[in-house]
Amino acid sequence: MQHRRGETVARGHYAAMANDRRFRLLQKRFRRLAIGVIGSFLGWYLLYISLSAFARDFMARPAFGNINMALLLGVLQFVSTFVLAWRYTRYSKTMIDPLATQLRDEAELRQAEFDRMEDVLAERRRIENWTPPAHRRPRHQRGGRR
């Protein structure tokens, strides 16, 4: 029973958080970042694959010395991956993590307050429903022998 009640409360906390303007801002920032990083990575990768498949003369052209365009663009794939990871980390640390930490701290505080109130109410119910133990007479006063 308590487990189900806890689930309902958790859903209520999440619903309240989902309506918070800061949570929506967090979602917007993350979505913008994810779409930008994924779009950049996939666009650059598909360009490289397309050039390798359909522009063989361009890819065979020497860039400098014995290094052709295919090798140069292939190495740039690795470089761009690290640049995108660095950009993602930097943006997350400055724009996403502080807001997420603030929202998480507030949610934990709200949950702790709710748990404390549940404990208080449970103790109150326990006290209100308490009945003194039934007074039992000692066996020798109960009457009759067996």
N, C-alpha and C. Protein backbone atom coordinates (compact mmCIF):
# COMPACT_ATOMS: atom_id res chain seq x y z
N MET A 1 0.82 -1.20 0.00
CA MET A 1 0.00 0.00 0.00
C MET A 1 0.87 1.26 0.00
N GLN A 2 1.85 1.29 0.89
CA GLN A 2 2.72 2.46 0.96
C GLN A 2 3.48 2.64 -0.35
N HIS A 3 3.89 1.51 -0.95
CA HIS A 3 4.64 1.58 -2.19
C HIS A 3 3.81 2.27 -3.28
N ARG A 4 2.55 1.89 -3.36
CA ARG A 4 1.69 2.52 -4.37
C ARG A 4 1.50 4.00 -4.08
N ARG A 5 1.31 4.32 -2.82
CA ARG A 5 1.13 5.72 -2.45
C ARG A 5 2.40 6.51 -2.82
N GLY A 6 3.56 5.93 -2.56
CA GLY A 6 4.83 6.57 -2.90
C GLY A 6 4.97 6.83 -4.39
N GLU A 7 4.50 5.85 -5.20
CA GLU A 7 4.55 6.03 -6.64
C GLU A 7 3.67 7.19 -7.07
N THR A 8 2.49 7.29 -6.49
CA THR A 8 1.59 8.37 -6.83
C THR A 8 2.22 9.71 -6.47
N VAL A 9 2.82 9.76 -5.32
CA VAL A 9 3.47 11.00 -4.89
C VAL A 9 4.61 11.35 -5.82
N ALA A 10 5.41 10.34 -6.18
CA ALA A 10 6.53 10.61 -7.08
C ALA A 10 6.02 11.17 -8.40
N ARG A 11 4.97 10.58 -8.93
CA ARG A 11 4.40 11.11 -10.17
C ARG A 11 3.93 12.55 -9.97
N GLY A 12 3.35 12.84 -8.82
CA GLY A 12 2.92 14.20 -8.53
C GLY A 12 4.08 15.17 -8.47
N HIS A 13 5.18 14.73 -7.88
CA HIS A 13 6.38 15.59 -7.83
C HIS A 13 6.91 15.84 -9.23
N TYR A 14 6.93 14.78 -10.06
CA TYR A 14 7.43 14.95 -11.41
C TYR A 14 6.51 15.85 -12.22
N ALA A 15 5.22 15.73 -12.02
CA ALA A 15 4.29 16.58 -12.75
C ALA A 15 4.48 18.04 -12.36
N ALA A 16 4.70 18.29 -11.07
CA ALA A 16 4.95 19.66 -10.63
C ALA A 16 6.24 20.18 -11.23
N MET A 17 7.25 19.33 -11.29
CA MET A 17 8.53 19.75 -11.84
C MET A 17 8.43 19.99 -13.34
N ALA A 18 7.64 19.18 -14.04
CA ALA A 18 7.50 19.33 -15.48
C ALA A 18 6.86 20.66 -15.86
N ASN A 19 6.09 21.24 -14.95
CA ASN A 19 5.46 22.53 -15.22
C ASN A 19 6.35 23.71 -14.84
N ASP A 20 7.48 23.45 -14.21
CA ASP A 20 8.40 24.51 -13.81
C ASP A 20 9.09 25.08 -15.05
N ARG A 21 9.13 26.39 -15.15
CA ARG A 21 9.74 27.02 -16.33
C ARG A 21 11.22 26.69 -16.44
N ARG A 22 11.89 26.50 -15.31
CA ARG A 22 13.31 26.15 -15.35
C ARG A 22 13.52 24.75 -15.92
N PHE A 23 12.61 23.84 -15.64
CA PHE A 23 12.71 22.49 -16.19
C PHE A 23 12.51 22.52 -17.70
N ARG A 24 11.55 23.31 -18.15
CA ARG A 24 11.33 23.44 -19.59
C ARG A 24 12.55 24.09 -20.26
N LEU A 25 13.16 25.07 -19.59
CA LEU A 25 14.38 25.68 -20.11
C LEU A 25 15.50 24.65 -20.20
N LEU A 26 15.62 23.80 -19.18
CA LEU A 26 16.62 22.74 -19.18
C LEU A 26 16.40 21.80 -20.36
N GLN A 27 15.16 21.41 -20.58
CA GLN A 27 14.85 20.53 -21.72
C GLN A 27 15.20 21.21 -23.04
N LYS A 28 14.88 22.49 -23.16
CA LYS A 28 15.15 23.23 -24.39
C LYS A 28 16.65 23.30 -24.65
N ARG A 29 17.41 23.61 -23.60
CA ARG A 29 18.87 23.71 -23.77
C ARG A 29 19.47 22.37 -24.16
N PHE A 30 19.02 21.31 -23.50
CA PHE A 30 19.56 19.99 -23.81
C PHE A 30 19.19 19.57 -25.23
N ARG A 31 17.95 19.80 -25.60
CA ARG A 31 17.49 19.43 -26.95
C ARG A 31 18.29 20.18 -28.01
N ARG A 32 18.50 21.48 -27.78
CA ARG A 32 19.26 22.28 -28.73
C ARG A 32 20.69 21.75 -28.86
N LEU A 33 21.29 21.42 -27.73
CA LEU A 33 22.65 20.88 -27.73
C LEU A 33 22.71 19.54 -28.44
N ALA A 34 21.80 18.65 -28.09
CA ALA A 34 21.81 17.30 -28.67
C ALA A 34 21.59 17.35 -30.18
N ILE A 35 20.64 18.14 -30.61
CA ILE A 35 20.36 18.24 -32.05
C ILE A 35 21.56 18.83 -32.78
N GLY A 36 22.17 19.85 -32.19
CA GLY A 36 23.35 20.46 -32.82
C GLY A 36 24.52 19.50 -32.92
N VAL A 37 24.81 18.79 -31.84
CA VAL A 37 25.94 17.86 -31.85
C VAL A 37 25.66 16.69 -32.79
N ILE A 38 24.50 16.11 -32.68
CA ILE A 38 24.18 14.96 -33.54
C ILE A 38 24.12 15.38 -35.00
N GLY A 39 23.49 16.52 -35.26
CA GLY A 39 23.41 17.01 -36.64
C GLY A 39 24.79 17.29 -37.22
N SER A 40 25.66 17.92 -36.44
CA SER A 40 27.01 18.20 -36.91
C SER A 40 27.77 16.91 -37.19
N PHE A 41 27.72 15.99 -36.26
CA PHE A 41 28.46 14.75 -36.41
C PHE A 41 27.96 13.94 -37.60
N LEU A 42 26.64 13.75 -37.67
CA LEU A 42 26.10 12.94 -38.77
C LEU A 42 26.27 13.63 -40.13
N GLY A 43 26.09 14.94 -40.16
CA GLY A 43 26.27 15.67 -41.42
C GLY A 43 27.69 15.55 -41.93
N TRP A 44 28.66 15.75 -41.06
CA TRP A 44 30.07 15.65 -41.43
C TRP A 44 30.42 14.22 -41.84
N TYR A 45 29.91 13.23 -41.10
CA TYR A 45 30.19 11.83 -41.41
C TYR A 45 29.56 11.44 -42.75
N LEU A 46 28.32 11.82 -42.97
CA LEU A 46 27.67 11.50 -44.25
C LEU A 46 28.34 12.20 -45.42
N LEU A 47 28.85 13.41 -45.21
CA LEU A 47 29.61 14.10 -46.24
C LEU A 47 30.86 13.31 -46.59
N TYR A 48 31.56 12.85 -45.57
CA TYR A 48 32.79 12.06 -45.78
C TYR A 48 32.47 10.77 -46.54
N ILE A 49 31.42 10.06 -46.12
CA ILE A 49 31.04 8.81 -46.78
C ILE A 49 30.61 9.09 -48.22
N SER A 50 29.85 10.15 -48.42
CA SER A 50 29.38 10.49 -49.78
C SER A 50 30.55 10.84 -50.69
N LEU A 51 31.49 11.61 -50.19
CA LEU A 51 32.67 11.95 -50.98
C LEU A 51 33.48 10.70 -51.30
N SER A 52 33.59 9.80 -50.32
CA SER A 52 34.34 8.56 -50.55
C SER A 52 33.66 7.70 -51.61
N ALA A 53 32.35 7.71 -51.65
CA ALA A 53 31.61 6.86 -52.58
C ALA A 53 31.47 7.50 -53.96
N PHE A 54 31.24 8.81 -54.02
CA PHE A 54 30.87 9.44 -55.29
C PHE A 54 31.89 10.44 -55.84
N ALA A 55 32.84 10.84 -55.06
CA ALA A 55 33.84 11.81 -55.53
C ALA A 55 35.24 11.23 -55.35
N ARG A 56 35.46 10.10 -55.99
CA ARG A 56 36.73 9.39 -55.83
C ARG A 56 37.91 10.21 -56.34
N ASP A 57 37.70 10.95 -57.41
CA ASP A 57 38.80 11.77 -57.94
C ASP A 57 39.19 12.84 -56.93
N PHE A 58 38.19 13.46 -56.31
CA PHE A 58 38.48 14.49 -55.30
C PHE A 58 39.21 13.86 -54.11
N MET A 59 38.76 12.71 -53.65
CA MET A 59 39.36 12.08 -52.48
C MET A 59 40.79 11.59 -52.78
N ALA A 60 41.08 11.28 -54.04
CA ALA A 60 42.42 10.81 -54.41
C ALA A 60 43.40 11.97 -54.61
N ARG A 61 42.92 13.16 -54.72
CA ARG A 61 43.77 14.33 -54.95
C ARG A 61 44.71 14.54 -53.77
N PRO A 62 45.97 14.78 -54.03
CA PRO A 62 46.92 15.02 -52.92
C PRO A 62 46.61 16.35 -52.23
N ALA A 63 46.61 16.31 -50.89
CA ALA A 63 46.41 17.54 -50.11
C ALA A 63 47.76 18.22 -49.90
N PHE A 64 48.73 17.45 -49.46
CA PHE A 64 50.12 17.90 -49.39
C PHE A 64 51.00 16.67 -49.22
N GLY A 65 52.09 16.65 -49.92
CA GLY A 65 52.99 15.50 -49.89
C GLY A 65 52.27 14.24 -50.33
N ASN A 66 52.45 13.17 -49.59
CA ASN A 66 51.80 11.89 -49.90
C ASN A 66 50.43 11.75 -49.22
N ILE A 67 49.95 12.79 -48.61
CA ILE A 67 48.65 12.77 -47.91
C ILE A 67 47.57 13.22 -48.89
N ASN A 68 46.61 12.33 -49.16
CA ASN A 68 45.52 12.72 -50.06
C ASN A 68 44.32 13.23 -49.24
N MET A 69 43.31 13.70 -49.92
CA MET A 69 42.14 14.30 -49.26
C MET A 69 41.39 13.27 -48.41
N ALA A 70 41.33 12.02 -48.87
CA ALA A 70 40.61 10.98 -48.12
C ALA A 70 41.25 10.79 -46.75
N LEU A 71 42.57 10.70 -46.71
CA LEU A 71 43.26 10.51 -45.44
C LEU A 71 43.10 11.75 -44.55
N LEU A 72 43.23 12.91 -45.15
CA LEU A 72 43.09 14.16 -44.38
C LEU A 72 41.69 14.28 -43.79
N LEU A 73 40.66 14.04 -44.60
CA LEU A 73 39.28 14.14 -44.10
C LEU A 73 38.98 13.02 -43.09
N GLY A 74 39.59 11.85 -43.27
CA GLY A 74 39.42 10.75 -42.31
C GLY A 74 39.99 11.12 -40.95
N VAL A 75 41.16 11.73 -40.92
CA VAL A 75 41.76 12.17 -39.66
C VAL A 75 40.91 13.29 -39.05
N LEU A 76 40.38 14.16 -39.90
CA LEU A 76 39.52 15.23 -39.40
C LEU A 76 38.23 14.69 -38.78
N GLN A 77 37.81 13.48 -39.17
CA GLN A 77 36.65 12.85 -38.52
C GLN A 77 36.94 12.63 -37.04
N PHE A 78 38.14 12.14 -36.74
CA PHE A 78 38.53 11.93 -35.34
C PHE A 78 38.63 13.26 -34.60
N VAL A 79 39.25 14.22 -35.23
CA VAL A 79 39.41 15.53 -34.61
C VAL A 79 38.05 16.15 -34.32
N SER A 80 37.15 16.06 -35.28
CA SER A 80 35.82 16.66 -35.09
C SER A 80 35.06 15.95 -33.97
N THR A 81 35.25 14.65 -33.82
CA THR A 81 34.59 13.92 -32.73
C THR A 81 35.05 14.46 -31.38
N PHE A 82 36.34 14.67 -31.23
CA PHE A 82 36.85 15.20 -29.96
C PHE A 82 36.41 16.65 -29.75
N VAL A 83 36.36 17.43 -30.81
CA VAL A 83 35.90 18.82 -30.69
C VAL A 83 34.43 18.86 -30.26
N LEU A 84 33.60 18.00 -30.86
CA LEU A 84 32.19 17.96 -30.49
C LEU A 84 32.01 17.48 -29.05
N ALA A 85 32.80 16.51 -28.62
CA ALA A 85 32.73 16.04 -27.23
C ALA A 85 33.15 17.15 -26.27
N TRP A 86 34.19 17.88 -26.62
CA TRP A 86 34.63 19.01 -25.79
C TRP A 86 33.55 20.08 -25.73
N ARG A 87 32.96 20.39 -26.86
CA ARG A 87 31.89 21.40 -26.92
C ARG A 87 30.69 20.96 -26.07
N TYR A 88 30.33 19.70 -26.18
CA TYR A 88 29.22 19.16 -25.40
C TYR A 88 29.51 19.30 -23.90
N THR A 89 30.70 18.91 -23.50
CA THR A 89 31.08 18.97 -22.08
C THR A 89 31.09 20.41 -21.58
N ARG A 90 31.66 21.29 -22.35
CA ARG A 90 31.74 22.71 -21.94
C ARG A 90 30.35 23.33 -21.81
N TYR A 91 29.51 23.11 -22.79
CA TYR A 91 28.15 23.65 -22.76
C TYR A 91 27.36 23.06 -21.60
N SER A 92 27.51 21.75 -21.40
CA SER A 92 26.80 21.09 -20.30
C SER A 92 27.21 21.66 -18.95
N LYS A 93 28.50 21.85 -18.75
CA LYS A 93 28.99 22.37 -17.46
C LYS A 93 28.50 23.77 -17.18
N THR A 94 28.34 24.58 -18.21
CA THR A 94 27.94 25.97 -17.98
C THR A 94 26.44 26.22 -18.07
N MET A 95 25.75 25.48 -18.94
CA MET A 95 24.35 25.81 -19.19
C MET A 95 23.35 24.76 -18.68
N ILE A 96 23.77 23.51 -18.57
CA ILE A 96 22.82 22.46 -18.21
C ILE A 96 23.01 21.99 -16.77
N ASP A 97 24.23 21.66 -16.40
CA ASP A 97 24.49 21.08 -15.08
C ASP A 97 24.07 21.97 -13.91
N PRO A 98 24.36 23.29 -13.92
CA PRO A 98 23.93 24.10 -12.78
C PRO A 98 22.41 24.11 -12.60
N LEU A 99 21.70 24.20 -13.69
CA LEU A 99 20.23 24.22 -13.62
C LEU A 99 19.70 22.85 -13.20
N ALA A 100 20.29 21.80 -13.72
CA ALA A 100 19.86 20.44 -13.34
C ALA A 100 20.14 20.19 -11.86
N THR A 101 21.27 20.65 -11.37
CA THR A 101 21.61 20.49 -9.96
C THR A 101 20.63 21.24 -9.08
N GLN A 102 20.30 22.45 -9.47
CA GLN A 102 19.33 23.25 -8.70
C GLN A 102 17.98 22.55 -8.64
N LEU A 103 17.50 22.05 -9.77
CA LEU A 103 16.20 21.37 -9.81
C LEU A 103 16.25 20.07 -9.02
N ARG A 104 17.34 19.32 -9.14
CA ARG A 104 17.46 18.06 -8.40
C ARG A 104 17.49 18.31 -6.90
N ASP A 105 18.23 19.35 -6.46
CA ASP A 105 18.28 19.68 -5.03
C ASP A 105 16.90 20.06 -4.50
N GLU A 106 16.17 20.85 -5.27
CA GLU A 106 14.82 21.22 -4.85
C GLU A 106 13.90 20.01 -4.79
N ALA A 107 14.03 19.12 -5.77
CA ALA A 107 13.19 17.92 -5.78
C ALA A 107 13.52 17.02 -4.59
N GLU A 108 14.81 16.89 -4.26
CA GLU A 108 15.20 16.08 -3.10
C GLU A 108 14.71 16.71 -1.81
N LEU A 109 14.77 18.04 -1.72
CA LEU A 109 14.28 18.74 -0.54
C LEU A 109 12.78 18.54 -0.40
N ARG A 110 12.06 18.66 -1.52
CA ARG A 110 10.62 18.46 -1.52
C ARG A 110 10.27 17.02 -1.10
N GLN A 111 11.05 16.06 -1.62
CA GLN A 111 10.81 14.66 -1.28
C GLN A 111 11.12 14.41 0.19
N ALA A 112 12.20 15.00 0.70
CA ALA A 112 12.55 14.83 2.11
C ALA A 112 11.47 15.43 3.01
N GLU A 113 10.94 16.57 2.62
CA GLU A 113 9.86 17.19 3.39
C GLU A 113 8.61 16.31 3.36
N PHE A 114 8.31 15.77 2.20
CA PHE A 114 7.17 14.87 2.08
C PHE A 114 7.36 13.63 2.95
N ASP A 115 8.56 13.04 2.90
CA ASP A 115 8.84 11.85 3.70
C ASP A 115 8.73 12.17 5.19
N ARG A 116 9.22 13.33 5.59
CA ARG A 116 9.13 13.74 7.00
C ARG A 116 7.68 13.88 7.41
N MET A 117 6.85 14.48 6.56
CA MET A 117 5.44 14.63 6.87
C MET A 117 4.75 13.27 6.93
N GLU A 118 5.11 12.36 6.05
CA GLU A 118 4.55 11.01 6.08
C GLU A 118 4.91 10.32 7.39
N ASP A 119 6.16 10.50 7.85
CA ASP A 119 6.59 9.90 9.11
C ASP A 119 5.81 10.48 10.28
N VAL A 120 5.61 11.80 10.26
CA VAL A 120 4.86 12.46 11.33
C VAL A 120 3.42 11.96 11.34
N LEU A 121 2.81 11.87 10.17
CA LEU A 121 1.43 11.40 10.10
C LEU A 121 1.31 9.94 10.51
N ALA A 122 2.29 9.12 10.13
CA ALA A 122 2.27 7.71 10.54
C ALA A 122 2.40 7.60 12.06
N GLU A 123 3.27 8.40 12.64
CA GLU A 123 3.42 8.38 14.11
C GLU A 123 2.14 8.87 14.78
N ARG A 124 1.53 9.87 14.19
CA ARG A 124 0.28 10.39 14.75
C ARG A 124 -0.82 9.32 14.71
N ARG A 125 -0.92 8.63 13.55
CA ARG A 125 -1.91 7.55 13.46
C ARG A 125 -1.62 6.44 14.45
N ARG A 126 -0.34 6.13 14.63
CA ARG A 126 0.05 5.08 15.58
C ARG A 126 -0.36 5.48 16.99
N ILE A 127 -0.15 6.75 17.35
CA ILE A 127 -0.51 7.22 18.69
C ILE A 127 -2.03 7.25 18.85
N GLU A 128 -2.74 7.74 17.83
CA GLU A 128 -4.20 7.82 17.92
C GLU A 128 -4.85 6.44 18.01
N ASN A 129 -4.27 5.46 17.38
CA ASN A 129 -4.84 4.11 17.36
C ASN A 129 -4.31 3.23 18.49
N TRP A 130 -3.46 3.78 19.31
CA TRP A 130 -2.87 2.99 20.38
C TRP A 130 -3.92 2.68 21.44
N THR A 131 -3.94 1.48 21.86
CA THR A 131 -4.81 1.09 22.97
C THR A 131 -3.92 0.40 23.98
N PRO A 132 -4.22 0.65 25.24
CA PRO A 132 -3.38 0.00 26.25
C PRO A 132 -3.58 -1.51 26.18
N PRO A 133 -2.57 -2.25 26.53
CA PRO A 133 -2.71 -3.70 26.49
C PRO A 133 -3.79 -4.13 27.47
N ALA A 134 -4.53 -5.16 27.09
CA ALA A 134 -5.59 -5.66 27.96
C ALA A 134 -4.97 -6.16 29.27
N HIS A 135 -5.62 -5.79 30.37
CA HIS A 135 -5.12 -6.21 31.67
C HIS A 135 -5.56 -7.65 31.89
N ARG A 136 -4.63 -8.50 32.09
CA ARG A 136 -4.94 -9.91 32.30
C ARG A 136 -4.71 -10.23 33.77
N ARG A 137 -5.65 -10.90 34.31
CA ARG A 137 -5.50 -11.31 35.70
C ARG A 137 -4.49 -12.45 35.76
N PRO A 138 -3.77 -12.51 36.85
CA PRO A 138 -2.85 -13.64 37.00
C PRO A 138 -3.63 -14.93 36.98
N ARG A 139 -2.98 -15.99 36.58
CA ARG A 139 -3.62 -17.28 36.38
C ARG A 139 -4.33 -17.77 37.65
N HIS A 140 -3.75 -17.55 38.77
CA HIS A 140 -4.37 -18.06 40.00
C HIS A 140 -5.64 -17.31 40.37
N GLN A 141 -5.90 -16.13 39.76
CA GLN A 141 -7.11 -15.38 40.06
C GLN A 141 -8.21 -15.58 39.02
N ARG A 142 -7.94 -16.34 37.99
CA ARG A 142 -8.92 -16.51 36.91
C ARG A 142 -10.07 -17.42 37.32
N GLY A 143 -9.88 -18.13 38.27
CA GLY A 143 -10.94 -19.02 38.70
C GLY A 143 -10.78 -20.41 38.15
N GLY A 144 -11.05 -21.34 38.94
CA GLY A 144 -10.98 -22.73 38.53
C GLY A 144 -9.56 -23.21 38.36
N ARG A 145 -9.40 -24.50 38.57
CA ARG A 145 -8.09 -25.10 38.37
C ARG A 145 -8.17 -26.09 37.21
N ARG A 146 -7.10 -26.32 36.63
CA ARG A 146 -7.06 -27.27 35.53
C ARG A 146 -6.06 -28.31 35.76
